[in-house]
Amino acid sequence: MAMAVRFGTDGIRGRYPEEVHEDLAYRLGRAVAQVFPRPVFLGYDTRESSPLLAAALYEGLVDGGAVGINLGLFTTPGVAVTAKARGGVGVVVSASHNLYQDNGLKVLGPGGGKLDHATEAALEIALREAPSPPSGDFHLGPLDELAETAYVAHLLGAAAARLDGLRVIIDCANGSASHVAQRLFSQTGAHFTLLNSQPNGHNINDHCGSTSPEQLRQAVLAEGADLGLALDGDADRLIAVDAQGTVRDGDDLMALFSQDLQRNGRLGAGVALTIMSNLGLRKALSDLKIEVVETDVGDRHVAAALEEHEWHFGGEQSGHLLFRDLAPSGDGLLTGLLLLALVARHGPLATQCDALWHRIPQELANFPVMSFDEGAARDRFSRLCAQYGYREQDVRLVIRPSGTEPVIRVMVEAPDASFIEEFLLTLQ
């Protein structure tokens, strides 16, 4: 009997081939074919294992009776846009920001959005019941060569701005944006340089991209660029670096976009944030009279909150930003184009951020699941708060299991950085 597999915050993810392998990919293809009676658009990232898994998944789709369309090397948001435009669903082989040793399988529902819980549950049942492949000989179908052209046109149309004169460096994380960034930015008028755009199957997210922006920061300073854009392996998130070399995360970008969308009458009443967003961002949005709804970590929760409230914008500190009226999912390339347009209209990123909001000291640390004692951590936090004289509204402690790695994530915020340092030392 096949081992039961559950979807995490961003699909199925694990080490290849021990946890994510061709048998699993094939069975998922069979499950998707059963649950979704419509065309299935398949894309994959630059990991060595991705085309192997994609071929198995494609065979599962075909054997299950689905119409499978091979998009080849493609970004996750690009698959989402294609699925929405062409009336299908999407499947992506990618472990997003993880290193090449991991891989993952993501299913995008009708319209290219995240799956609801009922559909995800139906997929899990179908996956458990799906047969293993009759052989280990897998082949991808013919490549759809029109999808990339349509996706680039979609991005340019959504951003709708010329960027002439701006100097920008784009860190592609040696991931799936590597193949499309050149084509996209060459049509914007910006002077651009691509960084980490030569994937070799092993270097995706390796000391580069949105999770490791130091190389980009140094390049921005060395070249005197106006802006640096750091994508992750499947290009659904973006972190920026301003001209002064300061890394600007999703909270910075959400502050700016919220204000700009409000000015233009396109925001709606509020913004959806996750529990990880900084207290300083909440204060800035409150000062702007923008309502905030807080969700669990994961862009699927942000998307659900936006749909429930019929709002247009939200995101995560990690750089997943959702412009609900422009795209069916978070898209790092789209966010980058919109950010460049914001800089073109209103001036340097650093000036805009510093004028709008101030970050409260915050640290995020990871701890092994097996050795972490949450109760003891919360007791130490309470005692330290009493020692410093902090009220409940002055500080925050968030403890949660990662949805993508076998670790416990601990986020702590306080007015004094020494409090944070002292608390984290007690957890070592």
Protein backbone atom coordinates (compact mmCIF):
# COMPACT_ATOMS: atom_id res chain seq x y z
CA MET A 1 0.00 0.00 0.00
CA ALA A 2 1.26 3.51 -0.83
CA MET A 3 2.27 5.62 2.14
CA ALA A 4 -0.24 8.37 3.04
CA VAL A 5 0.94 11.84 2.09
CA ARG A 6 -0.45 15.12 3.40
CA PHE A 7 -0.26 18.53 1.82
CA GLY A 8 1.61 21.16 3.83
CA THR A 9 1.31 24.95 3.65
CA ASP A 10 2.60 24.89 0.07
CA GLY A 11 1.83 21.46 -1.35
CA ILE A 12 3.95 18.36 -0.80
CA ARG A 13 7.61 18.93 -0.05
CA GLY A 14 10.55 16.79 1.05
CA ARG A 15 13.94 15.32 0.23
CA TYR A 16 14.41 13.75 -3.20
CA PRO A 17 14.23 10.79 -3.73
CA GLU A 18 13.57 9.59 -0.17
CA GLU A 19 10.34 11.54 0.38
CA VAL A 20 9.42 13.07 -2.98
CA HIS A 21 9.97 10.62 -5.81
CA GLU A 22 8.67 9.49 -9.20
CA ASP A 23 6.15 7.05 -7.77
CA LEU A 24 4.58 9.84 -5.71
CA ALA A 25 4.60 12.24 -8.67
CA TYR A 26 2.91 9.66 -10.93
CA ARG A 27 0.22 8.95 -8.35
CA LEU A 28 -0.40 12.65 -7.85
CA GLY A 29 -0.89 12.97 -11.59
CA ARG A 30 -3.51 10.22 -11.42
CA ALA A 31 -5.18 11.98 -8.47
CA VAL A 32 -5.28 15.36 -10.20
CA ALA A 33 -6.77 13.77 -13.30
CA GLN A 34 -9.51 12.25 -11.15
CA VAL A 35 -10.38 15.36 -9.14
CA PHE A 36 -10.15 17.95 -11.94
CA PRO A 37 -11.90 17.08 -15.24
CA ARG A 38 -10.19 19.88 -17.15
CA PRO A 39 -6.79 20.60 -18.80
CA VAL A 40 -3.78 20.45 -16.48
CA PHE A 41 -0.82 22.76 -17.08
CA LEU A 42 2.49 21.41 -15.81
CA GLY A 43 5.63 23.42 -15.08
CA TYR A 44 8.83 22.76 -13.16
CA ASP A 45 11.88 24.55 -11.76
CA THR A 46 15.63 24.14 -12.33
CA ARG A 47 16.44 21.38 -9.82
CA GLU A 48 18.21 18.35 -11.19
CA SER A 49 15.27 16.19 -10.10
CA SER A 50 12.48 18.43 -11.42
CA PRO A 51 12.23 17.22 -15.04
CA LEU A 52 12.34 13.61 -13.78
CA LEU A 53 9.45 14.21 -11.41
CA ALA A 54 7.60 16.25 -14.04
CA ALA A 55 7.82 13.39 -16.54
CA ALA A 56 6.37 10.96 -13.99
CA LEU A 57 3.62 13.40 -13.10
CA TYR A 58 2.78 13.94 -16.77
CA GLU A 59 2.48 10.18 -17.33
CA GLY A 60 0.14 9.98 -14.34
CA LEU A 61 -2.04 12.73 -15.79
CA VAL A 62 -2.26 11.02 -19.17
CA ASP A 63 -2.87 7.56 -17.73
CA GLY A 64 -5.61 9.08 -15.58
CA GLY A 65 -7.37 10.46 -18.65
CA ALA A 66 -6.41 14.13 -18.27
CA VAL A 67 -5.26 16.50 -20.97
CA GLY A 68 -1.76 17.39 -19.79
CA ILE A 69 0.05 20.43 -21.22
CA ASN A 70 3.81 20.61 -20.66
CA LEU A 71 4.95 24.19 -20.03
CA GLY A 72 8.51 23.08 -19.34
CA LEU A 73 10.73 25.25 -17.16
CA PHE A 74 8.25 27.77 -15.80
CA THR A 75 7.61 29.90 -12.72
CA THR A 76 4.86 28.90 -10.31
CA PRO A 77 2.92 32.15 -10.88
CA GLY A 78 3.40 31.69 -14.62
CA VAL A 79 1.67 28.32 -14.40
CA ALA A 80 -1.11 29.95 -12.36
CA VAL A 81 -1.63 32.70 -14.95
CA THR A 82 -1.66 30.17 -17.78
CA ALA A 83 -4.15 27.91 -16.01
CA LYS A 84 -6.49 30.84 -15.36
CA ALA A 85 -6.26 32.20 -18.89
CA ARG A 86 -6.85 28.81 -20.52
CA GLY A 87 -9.50 27.38 -18.23
CA GLY A 88 -7.49 24.68 -16.51
CA VAL A 89 -5.63 23.84 -13.34
CA GLY A 90 -1.90 23.80 -12.67
CA VAL A 91 0.72 21.48 -11.22
CA VAL A 92 4.23 22.68 -10.41
CA VAL A 93 7.30 20.64 -9.53
CA SER A 94 9.29 22.89 -7.20
CA ALA A 95 10.48 23.24 -3.61
CA SER A 96 10.35 27.04 -3.89
CA HIS A 97 13.13 28.56 -1.74
CA ASN A 98 14.65 25.25 -0.55
CA LEU A 99 18.00 23.97 -1.83
CA TYR A 100 18.21 21.53 -4.73
CA GLN A 101 18.24 18.40 -2.56
CA ASP A 102 14.56 19.00 -1.77
CA ASN A 103 11.68 19.05 -4.18
CA GLY A 104 7.95 19.53 -4.06
CA LEU A 105 4.65 19.10 -5.85
CA LYS A 106 2.11 21.94 -5.89
CA VAL A 107 -1.41 21.81 -7.25
CA LEU A 108 -3.14 25.02 -8.33
CA GLY A 109 -6.91 24.97 -8.55
CA PRO A 110 -9.31 26.35 -11.16
CA GLY A 111 -8.37 29.95 -11.88
CA GLY A 112 -4.77 29.30 -10.83
CA GLY A 113 -5.37 29.91 -7.13
CA LYS A 114 -4.63 27.91 -4.00
CA LEU A 115 -6.74 24.86 -3.24
CA ASP A 116 -9.47 25.10 -0.63
CA HIS A 117 -9.37 22.58 2.20
CA ALA A 118 -12.17 20.42 0.80
CA THR A 119 -10.46 20.05 -2.58
CA GLU A 120 -7.14 19.35 -0.91
CA ALA A 121 -8.75 16.63 1.19
CA ALA A 122 -10.29 15.09 -1.94
CA LEU A 123 -6.86 15.10 -3.59
CA GLU A 124 -5.29 13.39 -0.57
CA ILE A 125 -7.89 10.62 -0.74
CA ALA A 126 -7.41 10.21 -4.49
CA LEU A 127 -3.63 10.15 -3.99
CA ARG A 128 -3.85 7.40 -1.38
CA GLU A 129 -5.98 5.31 -3.73
CA ALA A 130 -3.97 6.01 -6.90
CA PRO A 131 -2.01 3.09 -8.40
CA SER A 132 1.74 3.11 -8.76
CA PRO A 133 3.17 3.43 -12.27
CA PRO A 134 3.26 0.29 -14.42
CA SER A 135 6.91 1.01 -15.24
CA GLY A 136 9.67 3.49 -14.48
CA ASP A 137 9.84 4.76 -18.05
CA PHE A 138 8.45 8.31 -18.07
CA HIS A 139 8.26 10.92 -20.80
CA LEU A 140 7.09 14.52 -20.95
CA GLY A 141 4.68 15.58 -23.64
CA PRO A 142 5.51 18.18 -26.30
CA LEU A 143 6.46 21.62 -25.01
CA ASP A 144 3.84 24.37 -25.24
CA GLU A 145 5.93 27.24 -26.65
CA LEU A 146 3.19 29.90 -26.57
CA ALA A 147 2.73 30.09 -22.82
CA GLU A 148 5.85 32.09 -22.04
CA THR A 149 4.99 34.76 -24.62
CA ALA A 150 1.52 35.10 -23.14
CA TYR A 151 2.88 35.23 -19.60
CA VAL A 152 5.36 38.02 -20.40
CA ALA A 153 2.55 39.98 -22.08
CA HIS A 154 0.41 39.49 -18.97
CA LEU A 155 3.15 40.87 -16.71
CA LEU A 156 3.82 43.89 -18.89
CA GLY A 157 0.11 44.61 -19.16
CA ALA A 158 -0.46 44.31 -15.41
CA ALA A 159 2.42 46.61 -14.52
CA ALA A 160 1.75 48.99 -17.43
CA ALA A 161 4.70 51.30 -16.80
CA ARG A 162 7.86 52.31 -18.62
CA LEU A 163 10.96 52.16 -16.46
CA ASP A 164 13.37 54.11 -18.66
CA GLY A 165 16.51 55.25 -16.86
CA LEU A 166 16.18 53.03 -13.81
CA ARG A 167 19.15 50.79 -13.03
CA VAL A 168 18.14 47.47 -11.53
CA ILE A 169 19.83 44.17 -10.67
CA ILE A 170 17.65 41.04 -10.68
CA ASP A 171 18.78 38.01 -8.67
CA CYS A 172 17.04 35.02 -10.28
CA ALA A 173 18.23 32.58 -7.57
CA ASN A 174 19.34 30.24 -10.38
CA GLY A 175 15.70 29.27 -10.46
CA SER A 176 12.77 29.25 -12.83
CA ALA A 177 12.83 33.02 -13.45
CA SER A 178 16.26 32.62 -15.07
CA HIS A 179 14.73 31.74 -18.44
CA VAL A 180 12.15 34.54 -18.57
CA ALA A 181 13.70 37.57 -16.79
CA GLN A 182 15.87 38.59 -19.76
CA ARG A 183 12.90 38.56 -22.10
CA LEU A 184 10.70 40.43 -19.65
CA PHE A 185 12.97 43.23 -18.49
CA SER A 186 14.34 43.92 -21.97
CA GLN A 187 10.90 45.31 -22.79
CA THR A 188 10.63 47.71 -19.84
CA GLY A 189 13.20 50.37 -20.74
CA ALA A 190 15.16 49.76 -17.54
CA HIS A 191 18.93 49.22 -17.52
CA PHE A 192 19.15 45.79 -15.92
CA THR A 193 21.70 43.18 -14.91
CA LEU A 194 20.81 39.56 -14.21
CA LEU A 195 22.47 37.85 -11.27
CA ASN A 196 22.42 34.11 -10.57
CA SER A 197 20.65 33.29 -13.83
CA GLN A 198 22.76 30.28 -14.87
CA PRO A 199 21.10 27.25 -13.27
CA ASN A 200 22.99 23.95 -13.34
CA GLY A 201 20.55 21.73 -11.44
CA HIS A 202 22.39 22.13 -8.13
CA ASN A 203 22.73 25.87 -7.52
CA ILE A 204 19.09 26.93 -7.10
CA ASN A 205 18.76 29.18 -3.99
CA ASP A 206 22.38 28.42 -3.07
CA HIS A 207 23.56 31.55 -1.22
CA CYS A 208 21.44 33.68 -3.53
CA GLY A 209 17.90 34.85 -4.12
CA SER A 210 15.32 36.10 -1.65
CA THR A 211 16.54 33.96 1.25
CA SER A 212 20.19 35.06 0.84
CA PRO A 213 20.25 38.64 -0.50
CA GLU A 214 23.81 39.55 0.57
CA GLN A 215 25.29 38.96 -2.88
CA LEU A 216 22.61 41.17 -4.41
CA ARG A 217 23.18 43.83 -1.77
CA GLN A 218 26.87 43.99 -2.61
CA ALA A 219 26.13 44.15 -6.34
CA VAL A 220 23.67 47.03 -5.90
CA LEU A 221 26.27 49.04 -3.98
CA ALA A 222 29.11 48.17 -6.38
CA GLU A 223 27.15 49.10 -9.50
CA GLY A 224 25.30 52.08 -8.02
CA ALA A 225 21.95 50.58 -8.96
CA ASP A 226 18.65 52.18 -8.03
CA LEU A 227 17.19 48.90 -6.88
CA GLY A 228 17.88 45.19 -6.47
CA LEU A 229 15.21 42.52 -6.83
CA ALA A 230 15.71 39.07 -5.28
CA LEU A 231 13.43 36.24 -6.39
CA ASP A 232 13.25 32.71 -5.01
CA GLY A 233 13.54 29.41 -6.84
CA ASP A 234 10.02 29.36 -8.30
CA ALA A 235 9.68 33.18 -8.46
CA ASP A 236 6.54 33.57 -6.36
CA ARG A 237 8.17 35.87 -3.81
CA LEU A 238 10.33 39.00 -3.91
CA ILE A 239 12.72 40.75 -1.53
CA ALA A 240 14.24 44.11 -2.54
CA VAL A 241 17.47 45.97 -1.84
CA ASP A 242 17.40 49.77 -1.94
CA ALA A 243 20.14 51.98 -3.39
CA GLN A 244 21.75 52.33 0.05
CA GLY A 245 22.12 48.55 0.36
CA THR A 246 19.33 48.04 2.88
CA VAL A 247 17.34 44.84 2.44
CA ARG A 248 13.62 45.55 2.20
CA ASP A 249 11.35 42.61 2.96
CA GLY A 250 7.67 41.99 2.35
CA ASP A 251 6.64 44.25 5.24
CA ASP A 252 8.42 47.22 3.64
CA LEU A 253 6.80 46.49 0.30
CA MET A 254 3.35 46.00 1.79
CA ALA A 255 3.57 49.36 3.55
CA LEU A 256 4.42 51.13 0.28
CA PHE A 257 1.92 49.30 -1.90
CA SER A 258 -0.88 49.74 0.67
CA GLN A 259 -0.33 53.48 0.73
CA ASP A 260 -0.07 53.71 -3.06
CA LEU A 261 -3.15 51.58 -3.71
CA GLN A 262 -5.08 53.63 -1.16
CA ARG A 263 -4.04 56.86 -2.90
CA ASN A 264 -5.28 55.49 -6.20
CA GLY A 265 -8.56 54.17 -4.82
CA ARG A 266 -7.64 50.54 -5.58
CA LEU A 267 -7.04 49.13 -2.10
CA GLY A 268 -10.46 48.58 -0.59
CA ALA A 269 -10.97 48.79 3.16
CA GLY A 270 -8.04 46.76 4.34
CA VAL A 271 -5.00 44.53 3.96
CA ALA A 272 -4.42 40.88 4.92
CA LEU A 273 -1.18 40.13 6.80
CA THR A 274 0.18 37.03 8.53
CA ILE A 275 1.15 36.72 12.17
CA MET A 276 4.81 37.24 11.17
CA SER A 277 4.42 40.83 9.97
CA ASN A 278 6.08 43.48 12.09
CA LEU A 279 4.21 45.49 14.72
CA GLY A 280 5.59 48.61 13.07
CA LEU A 281 3.74 47.76 9.86
CA ARG A 282 0.50 47.37 11.77
CA LYS A 283 0.98 50.81 13.33
CA ALA A 284 1.72 52.40 9.95
CA LEU A 285 -1.41 50.89 8.43
CA SER A 286 -3.45 52.03 11.41
CA ASP A 287 -2.13 55.58 10.93
CA LEU A 288 -3.28 55.36 7.31
CA LYS A 289 -6.74 54.26 8.49
CA ILE A 290 -6.30 50.92 6.75
CA GLU A 291 -7.97 47.93 8.37
CA VAL A 292 -5.86 44.81 8.98
CA VAL A 293 -6.87 41.17 9.18
CA GLU A 294 -4.26 38.75 10.52
CA THR A 295 -3.88 35.19 9.22
CA ASP A 296 -1.77 32.12 9.82
CA VAL A 297 1.50 31.86 7.90
CA GLY A 298 1.10 30.89 4.25
CA ASP A 299 -0.06 32.82 1.22
CA ARG A 300 -3.04 30.46 0.91
CA HIS A 301 -4.39 31.94 4.16
CA VAL A 302 -3.78 35.47 2.92
CA ALA A 303 -5.60 34.65 -0.33
CA ALA A 304 -8.55 33.18 1.58
CA ALA A 305 -8.81 36.27 3.79
CA LEU A 306 -8.75 38.59 0.80
CA GLU A 307 -11.49 36.61 -0.89
CA GLU A 308 -13.60 36.55 2.27
CA HIS A 309 -13.35 40.33 2.77
CA GLU A 310 -13.38 41.13 -0.96
CA TRP A 311 -10.15 43.09 -0.54
CA HIS A 312 -7.47 43.45 -3.18
CA PHE A 313 -4.07 43.29 -1.48
CA GLY A 314 -2.14 41.41 1.15
CA GLY A 315 0.99 39.40 1.70
CA GLU A 316 3.73 37.96 3.84
CA GLN A 317 6.94 39.30 5.32
CA SER A 318 8.78 36.65 3.30
CA GLY A 319 7.88 38.48 0.08
CA HIS A 320 4.74 36.68 -1.10
CA LEU A 321 2.55 39.60 -2.15
CA LEU A 322 -0.91 39.13 -3.64
CA PHE A 323 -2.45 41.71 -5.93
CA ARG A 324 -5.85 40.06 -6.24
CA ASP A 325 -7.07 42.22 -9.11
CA LEU A 326 -3.92 41.61 -11.19
CA ALA A 327 -2.91 37.96 -10.72
CA PRO A 328 -4.29 34.70 -9.30
CA SER A 329 -1.29 34.16 -7.01
CA GLY A 330 1.79 35.84 -5.60
CA ASP A 331 4.25 36.68 -8.37
CA GLY A 332 7.76 37.95 -7.68
CA LEU A 333 8.28 39.26 -11.21
CA LEU A 334 5.01 41.18 -11.11
CA THR A 335 5.85 42.59 -7.68
CA GLY A 336 9.26 43.65 -8.96
CA LEU A 337 7.78 45.50 -11.95
CA LEU A 338 5.23 47.25 -9.74
CA LEU A 339 7.94 48.23 -7.25
CA LEU A 340 10.10 49.68 -9.99
CA ALA A 341 7.11 51.67 -11.21
CA LEU A 342 6.59 52.95 -7.66
CA VAL A 343 10.23 54.11 -7.50
CA ALA A 344 9.90 55.74 -10.93
CA ARG A 345 6.85 57.71 -9.74
CA HIS A 346 7.76 58.60 -6.17
CA GLY A 347 11.54 58.44 -5.80
CA PRO A 348 14.11 56.22 -4.05
CA LEU A 349 12.88 53.17 -2.20
CA ALA A 350 14.81 54.03 0.97
CA THR A 351 13.27 57.51 1.15
CA GLN A 352 9.75 56.15 0.71
CA CYS A 353 10.16 53.40 3.30
CA ASP A 354 11.81 55.56 5.94
CA ALA A 355 9.14 58.24 5.62
CA LEU A 356 6.26 55.79 5.92
CA TRP A 357 7.10 53.39 8.74
CA HIS A 358 9.63 52.24 11.31
CA ARG A 359 10.37 48.61 12.07
CA ILE A 360 10.24 47.36 15.65
CA PRO A 361 13.21 45.06 16.44
CA GLN A 362 12.30 41.53 15.40
CA GLU A 363 14.22 38.26 15.09
CA LEU A 364 13.31 34.89 13.65
CA ALA A 365 15.17 31.77 14.78
CA ASN A 366 14.81 28.08 13.92
CA PHE A 367 15.12 25.21 16.39
CA PRO A 368 15.05 21.42 15.91
CA VAL A 369 11.56 20.00 16.42
CA MET A 370 12.65 17.15 18.70
CA SER A 371 14.52 19.27 21.24
CA PHE A 372 12.21 22.30 21.46
CA ASP A 373 10.02 22.80 24.56
CA GLU A 374 7.33 25.37 23.75
CA GLY A 375 5.98 25.59 27.30
CA ALA A 376 9.41 26.33 28.74
CA ALA A 377 10.03 28.95 26.03
CA ARG A 378 6.81 30.78 26.85
CA ASP A 379 7.58 30.72 30.57
CA ARG A 380 11.01 32.26 29.96
CA PHE A 381 9.43 34.90 27.73
CA SER A 382 6.91 35.88 30.43
CA ARG A 383 9.59 36.14 33.10
CA LEU A 384 11.78 38.30 30.88
CA CYS A 385 8.85 40.59 30.04
CA ALA A 386 8.27 41.15 33.74
CA GLN A 387 11.96 41.86 34.24
CA TYR A 388 11.94 44.50 31.47
CA GLY A 389 8.57 45.93 32.50
CA TYR A 390 6.93 45.25 29.13
CA ARG A 391 3.17 45.19 28.70
CA GLU A 392 1.45 42.60 26.53
CA GLN A 393 0.96 45.06 23.67
CA ASP A 394 4.67 46.01 23.66
CA VAL A 395 5.99 42.60 22.61
CA ARG A 396 5.11 39.54 20.55
CA LEU A 397 6.17 35.91 20.59
CA VAL A 398 5.13 33.58 17.77
CA ILE A 399 6.04 29.89 17.90
CA ARG A 400 5.02 27.65 15.03
CA PRO A 401 6.20 24.57 13.17
CA SER A 402 7.55 25.27 9.70
CA GLY A 403 5.34 24.12 6.87
CA THR A 404 8.34 23.47 4.62
CA GLU A 405 11.19 22.29 6.89
CA PRO A 406 11.52 20.05 10.01
CA VAL A 407 12.07 22.97 12.38
CA ILE A 408 10.21 25.12 14.89
CA ARG A 409 10.21 28.81 13.95
CA VAL A 410 10.35 31.32 16.81
CA MET A 411 9.64 34.98 16.10
CA VAL A 412 10.09 37.57 18.82
CA GLU A 413 9.51 41.34 18.76
CA ALA A 414 10.29 43.95 21.41
CA PRO A 415 11.16 47.65 21.60
CA ASP A 416 14.66 46.80 22.85
CA ALA A 417 16.86 44.53 20.72
CA SER A 418 18.74 43.42 23.85
CA PHE A 419 15.54 41.80 25.14
CA ILE A 420 15.33 39.72 21.97
CA GLU A 421 18.97 38.69 22.16
CA GLU A 422 18.67 37.73 25.81
CA PHE A 423 15.51 35.69 25.20
CA LEU A 424 16.90 33.76 22.24
CA LEU A 425 20.03 32.92 24.21
CA THR A 426 17.84 31.21 26.80
CA LEU A 427 16.58 28.84 24.08
CA GLN A 428 20.01 27.64 23.00
